[in-house]
C-alpha atoms as a PDB file:
ATOM      1  CA  MET A   1      26.208  -7.846 -45.682  1.00  0.00           C
ATOM      2  CA  PRO A   2      28.752  -8.437 -43.322  1.00  0.00           C
ATOM      3  CA  ILE A   3      30.707 -12.148 -43.995  1.00  0.00           C
ATOM      4  CA  GLY A   4      33.557 -11.363 -41.621  1.00  0.00           C
ATOM      5  CA  LEU A   5      33.944  -9.805 -38.093  1.00  0.00           C
ATOM      6  CA  ALA A   6      37.154  -8.467 -36.142  1.00  0.00           C
ATOM      7  CA  HIS A   7      36.836  -5.649 -33.670  1.00  0.00           C
ATOM      8  CA  ASP A   8      39.210  -3.926 -31.080  1.00  0.00           C
ATOM      9  CA  GLY A   9      39.207  -0.372 -29.626  1.00  0.00           C
ATOM     10  CA  ALA A  10      38.555   2.491 -31.848  1.00  0.00           C
ATOM     11  CA  ASN A  11      42.392   3.556 -31.136  1.00  0.00           C
ATOM     12  CA  ARG A  12      43.696   0.711 -33.267  1.00  0.00           C
ATOM     13  CA  ASN A  13      44.317   1.151 -37.157  1.00  0.00           C
ATOM     14  CA  ASP A  14      41.776  -0.951 -39.270  1.00  0.00           C
ATOM     15  CA  HIS A  15      44.293  -1.853 -41.832  1.00  0.00           C
ATOM     16  CA  LYS A  16      46.030  -4.227 -38.223  1.00  0.00           C
ATOM     17  CA  LEU A  17      42.838  -6.208 -38.416  1.00  0.00           C
ATOM     18  CA  LEU A  18      42.675  -7.050 -42.173  1.00  0.00           C
ATOM     19  CA  LYS A  19      44.311 -10.582 -41.568  1.00  0.00           C
ATOM     20  CA  GLU A  20      41.789 -11.422 -38.283  1.00  0.00           C
ATOM     21  CA  THR A  21      38.411  -9.956 -40.594  1.00  0.00           C
ATOM     22  CA  LEU A  22      39.828 -11.768 -43.563  1.00  0.00           C
ATOM     23  CA  ASP A  23      40.384 -15.386 -41.139  1.00  0.00           C
ATOM     24  CA  SER A  24      36.611 -14.843 -39.623  1.00  0.00           C
ATOM     25  CA  ILE A  25      34.821 -15.481 -42.801  1.00  0.00           C
ATOM     26  CA  PRO A  26      32.642 -18.063 -41.937  1.00  0.00           C
ATOM     27  CA  ILE A  27      31.776 -19.397 -45.375  1.00  0.00           C
ATOM     28  CA  GLU A  28      33.862 -21.339 -48.411  1.00  0.00           C
ATOM     29  CA  ARG A  29      34.602 -18.885 -50.966  1.00  0.00           C
ATOM     30  CA  PRO A  30      34.709 -19.721 -54.331  1.00  0.00           C
ATOM     31  CA  GLU A  31      38.354 -20.972 -56.272  1.00  0.00           C
ATOM     32  CA  VAL A  32      39.661 -18.089 -57.442  1.00  0.00           C
ATOM     33  CA  THR A  33      40.549 -18.420 -61.642  1.00  0.00           C
ATOM     34  CA  PRO A  34      41.979 -16.262 -63.639  1.00  0.00           C
ATOM     35  CA  LYS A  35      38.462 -16.196 -65.699  1.00  0.00           C
ATOM     36  CA  ARG A  36      36.458 -15.339 -61.945  1.00  0.00           C
ATOM     37  CA  PRO A  37      38.885 -13.519 -59.795  1.00  0.00           C
ATOM     38  CA  GLN A  38      38.029 -11.460 -56.553  1.00  0.00           C
ATOM     39  CA  GLY A  39      38.473  -8.385 -55.769  1.00  0.00           C
ATOM     40  CA  LEU A  40      38.583  -6.729 -52.073  1.00  0.00           C
ATOM     41  CA  CYS A  41      37.862  -2.877 -51.763  1.00  0.00           C
ATOM     42  CA  LEU A  42      39.907  -1.305 -49.400  1.00  0.00           C
ATOM     43  CA  ASP A  43      40.704   2.752 -48.969  1.00  0.00           C
ATOM     44  CA  LYS A  44      43.425   4.482 -48.418  1.00  0.00           C
ATOM     45  CA  ALA A  45      44.189   3.498 -44.782  1.00  0.00           C
ATOM     46  CA  TYR A  46      45.272   0.244 -46.363  1.00  0.00           C
ATOM     47  CA  ASP A  47      47.810   1.716 -49.227  1.00  0.00           C
ATOM     48  CA  ASN A  48      50.517  -0.596 -47.639  1.00  0.00           C
ATOM     49  CA  GLN A  49      52.652  -3.266 -48.491  1.00  0.00           C
ATOM     50  CA  GLU A  50      51.865  -5.331 -45.528  1.00  0.00           C
ATOM     51  CA  SER A  51      47.825  -5.241 -46.762  1.00  0.00           C
ATOM     52  CA  ARG A  52      48.597  -5.898 -49.987  1.00  0.00           C
ATOM     53  CA  GLU A  53      50.882  -9.181 -48.787  1.00  0.00           C
ATOM     54  CA  VAL A  54      47.929  -9.957 -46.565  1.00  0.00           C
ATOM     55  CA  VAL A  55      45.404  -9.474 -49.424  1.00  0.00           C
ATOM     56  CA  GLU A  56      46.954 -11.148 -51.843  1.00  0.00           C
ATOM     57  CA  GLY A  57      47.633 -14.207 -49.649  1.00  0.00           C
ATOM     58  CA  TYR A  58      44.191 -14.889 -49.191  1.00  0.00           C
ATOM     59  CA  GLY A  59      43.839 -14.875 -53.154  1.00  0.00           C
ATOM     60  CA  PHE A  60      42.226 -11.900 -53.418  1.00  0.00           C
ATOM     61  CA  THR A  61      42.917  -8.734 -56.197  1.00  0.00           C
ATOM     62  CA  PRO A  62      43.637  -5.317 -54.100  1.00  0.00           C
ATOM     63  CA  HIS A  63      41.175  -2.624 -55.190  1.00  0.00           C
ATOM     64  CA  ILE A  64      42.895   0.583 -53.251  1.00  0.00           C
ATOM     65  CA  ARG A  65      42.197   3.987 -54.263  1.00  0.00           C
ATOM     66  CA  SER A  66      42.644   7.016 -51.823  1.00  0.00           C
ATOM     67  CA  ARG A  67      39.687   9.589 -52.058  1.00  0.00           C
ATOM     68  CA  GLY A  68      41.373  12.062 -54.262  1.00  0.00           C
ATOM     69  CA  GLU A  69      41.686   9.846 -57.321  1.00  0.00           C
ATOM     70  CA  GLU A  70      37.666   8.446 -56.587  1.00  0.00           C
ATOM     71  CA  ILE A  71      36.396  12.330 -56.619  1.00  0.00           C
ATOM     72  CA  LYS A  72      38.341  12.569 -60.169  1.00  0.00           C
ATOM     73  CA  ASP A  73      36.361   9.693 -61.574  1.00  0.00           C
ATOM     74  CA  LYS A  74      32.897  10.632 -59.687  1.00  0.00           C
ATOM     75  CA  LEU A  75      33.327  14.373 -61.915  1.00  0.00           C
ATOM     76  CA  ARG A  76      34.180  12.577 -64.703  1.00  0.00           C
ATOM     77  CA  ILE A  77      31.853  10.129 -64.875  1.00  0.00           C
ATOM     78  CA  PRO A  78      27.920  10.690 -63.991  1.00  0.00           C
ATOM     79  CA  GLY A  79      26.460   8.178 -61.707  1.00  0.00           C
ATOM     80  CA  TRP A  80      30.121   6.782 -60.753  1.00  0.00           C
ATOM     81  CA  ARG A  81      30.066   5.290 -57.247  1.00  0.00           C
ATOM     82  CA  ALA A  82      33.211   4.221 -55.146  1.00  0.00           C
ATOM     83  CA  ARG A  83      33.324   0.208 -54.953  1.00  0.00           C
ATOM     84  CA  ARG A  84      33.863   1.224 -50.774  1.00  0.00           C
ATOM     85  CA  TRP A  85      30.066   1.952 -50.390  1.00  0.00           C
ATOM     86  CA  VAL A  86      29.192  -1.587 -49.528  1.00  0.00           C
ATOM     87  CA  VAL A  87      31.393  -1.564 -46.655  1.00  0.00           C
ATOM     88  CA  GLU A  88      30.003   2.050 -45.740  1.00  0.00           C
ATOM     89  CA  ALA A  89      26.313   0.577 -45.920  1.00  0.00           C
ATOM     90  CA  CYS A  90      26.918  -2.581 -43.611  1.00  0.00           C
ATOM     91  CA  HIS A  91      28.665  -0.116 -41.003  1.00  0.00           C
ATOM     92  CA  SER A  92      25.201   1.825 -41.357  1.00  0.00           C
ATOM     93  CA  TRP A  93      22.992  -1.042 -40.998  1.00  0.00           C
ATOM     94  CA  LEU A  94      24.958  -2.169 -37.565  1.00  0.00           C
ATOM     95  CA  ASN A  95      24.663   1.507 -36.423  1.00  0.00           C
ATOM     96  CA  ARG A  96      21.404   0.960 -36.475  1.00  0.00           C
ATOM     97  CA  HIS A  97      21.637  -1.289 -33.150  1.00  0.00           C
ATOM     98  CA  ARG A  98      21.673   1.007 -30.357  1.00  0.00           C
ATOM     99  CA  GLY A  99      24.106  -1.059 -28.310  1.00  0.00           C
ATOM    100  CA  LEU A 100      26.306  -1.210 -30.877  1.00  0.00           C
ATOM    101  CA  LEU A 101      26.140   2.706 -31.994  1.00  0.00           C
ATOM    102  CA  ILE A 102      27.222   3.824 -28.413  1.00  0.00           C
ATOM    103  CA  ARG A 103      29.105   0.830 -26.751  1.00  0.00           C
ATOM    104  CA  TRP A 104      27.450   0.383 -23.707  1.00  0.00           C
ATOM    105  CA  SER A 105      29.374  -3.072 -22.999  1.00  0.00           C
ATOM    106  CA  LYS A 106      32.333  -2.979 -20.712  1.00  0.00           C
ATOM    107  CA  LYS A 107      33.267  -6.830 -21.183  1.00  0.00           C
ATOM    108  CA  GLU A 108      35.022  -7.623 -24.499  1.00  0.00           C
ATOM    109  CA  GLU A 109      32.820 -10.678 -25.466  1.00  0.00           C
ATOM    110  CA  ASN A 110      29.487  -9.208 -24.604  1.00  0.00           C
ATOM    111  CA  HIS A 111      30.446  -6.581 -27.444  1.00  0.00           C
ATOM    112  CA  LEU A 112      31.115  -9.094 -29.777  1.00  0.00           C
ATOM    113  CA  ALA A 113      28.403 -11.119 -29.243  1.00  0.00           C
ATOM    114  CA  LEU A 114      26.168  -7.738 -29.888  1.00  0.00           C
ATOM    115  CA  LEU A 115      28.103  -7.579 -32.955  1.00  0.00           C
ATOM    116  CA  MET A 116      27.496 -11.200 -34.135  1.00  0.00           C
ATOM    117  CA  LEU A 117      24.121 -10.974 -33.455  1.00  0.00           C
ATOM    118  CA  ALA A 118      23.350  -7.385 -35.503  1.00  0.00           C
ATOM    119  CA  SER A 119      25.591  -9.530 -38.291  1.00  0.00           C
ATOM    120  CA  GLY A 120      23.558 -12.365 -38.130  1.00  0.00           C
ATOM    121  CA  LEU A 121      19.630 -10.411 -37.887  1.00  0.00           C
ATOM    122  CA  ILE A 122      21.376  -7.734 -41.142  1.00  0.00           C
ATOM    123  CA  ALA A 123      21.897 -11.056 -43.104  1.00  0.00           C
ATOM    124  CA  PHE A 124      18.725 -12.694 -42.393  1.00  0.00           C
ATOM    125  CA  LYS A 125      17.099  -9.450 -43.051  1.00  0.00           C
ATOM    126  CA  LYS A 126      18.702  -9.129 -46.731  1.00  0.00           C
ATOM    127  CA  ALA A 127      18.458 -12.894 -47.161  1.00  0.00           C
ATOM    128  CA  ARG A 128      14.390 -12.890 -45.979  1.00  0.00           C
ATOM    129  CA  ALA A 129      14.395  -9.326 -48.963  1.00  0.00           C
ATOM    130  CA  ALA A 130      16.030 -11.212 -51.553  1.00  0.00           C
ATOM    131  CA  SER A 131      13.797 -14.491 -51.700  1.00  0.00           C
ATOM    132  CA  LEU A 132      10.528 -12.211 -51.484  1.00  0.00           C
ATOM    133  CA  GLN A 133      12.163 -10.047 -54.625  1.00  0.00           C
ATOM    134  CA  ALA A 134      12.912 -13.378 -56.229  1.00  0.00           C
ATOM    135  CA  ASP A 135       9.449 -14.667 -55.390  1.00  0.00           C
ATOM    136  CA  LEU A 136       7.736 -11.590 -57.280  1.00  0.00           C
ATOM    137  CA  VAL A 137       9.677 -12.195 -60.277  1.00  0.00           C
ATOM    138  CA  ALA A 138       8.500 -15.664 -60.630  1.00  0.00           C
ATOM    139  CA  ALA A 139       5.804 -14.393 -60.265  1.00  0.00           C
END
C-alpha cells in the first residue's frame, strides 16, 4: 500500500527523490526502539552514502541489496523472495490506472492529483479487503 509519494520526470534518478518520498508519509510513525527497529528496503540504485544518510536520518535501518545477492539467495533458499517485491506490487497497482500507465496529463499538478487519487483508491481497497478478511476469520 503506498504510504508516501514523490514524483518527477522519468529522467531523474530514483535516489534523488528519496527524501521527498519519506517527507510525504502522511501517517505518524511508531517510535523506533532497539526491540522494534524499522527497516526500509531499497534496490541497488540507492546503494550510496547520500541515500544511507537520508534513510538513517529518518530512523530507518536501510536494507540495500544488489540483484546479484538476491539471485544467490533465491537459488540457495527455496521459496525466498526479495523484500522489495512490495514496492513492485505497488507500482503494478498504480499502473492499473490508465491515466498513470501512460502520462496523458501535461500539467504536473494534474498528474500528481491522479497519483494521489490512485494511491487513495488502492489504500481504500486494501483496507476494505483486510476488513472483510477479518470478518471472515471472526465468523
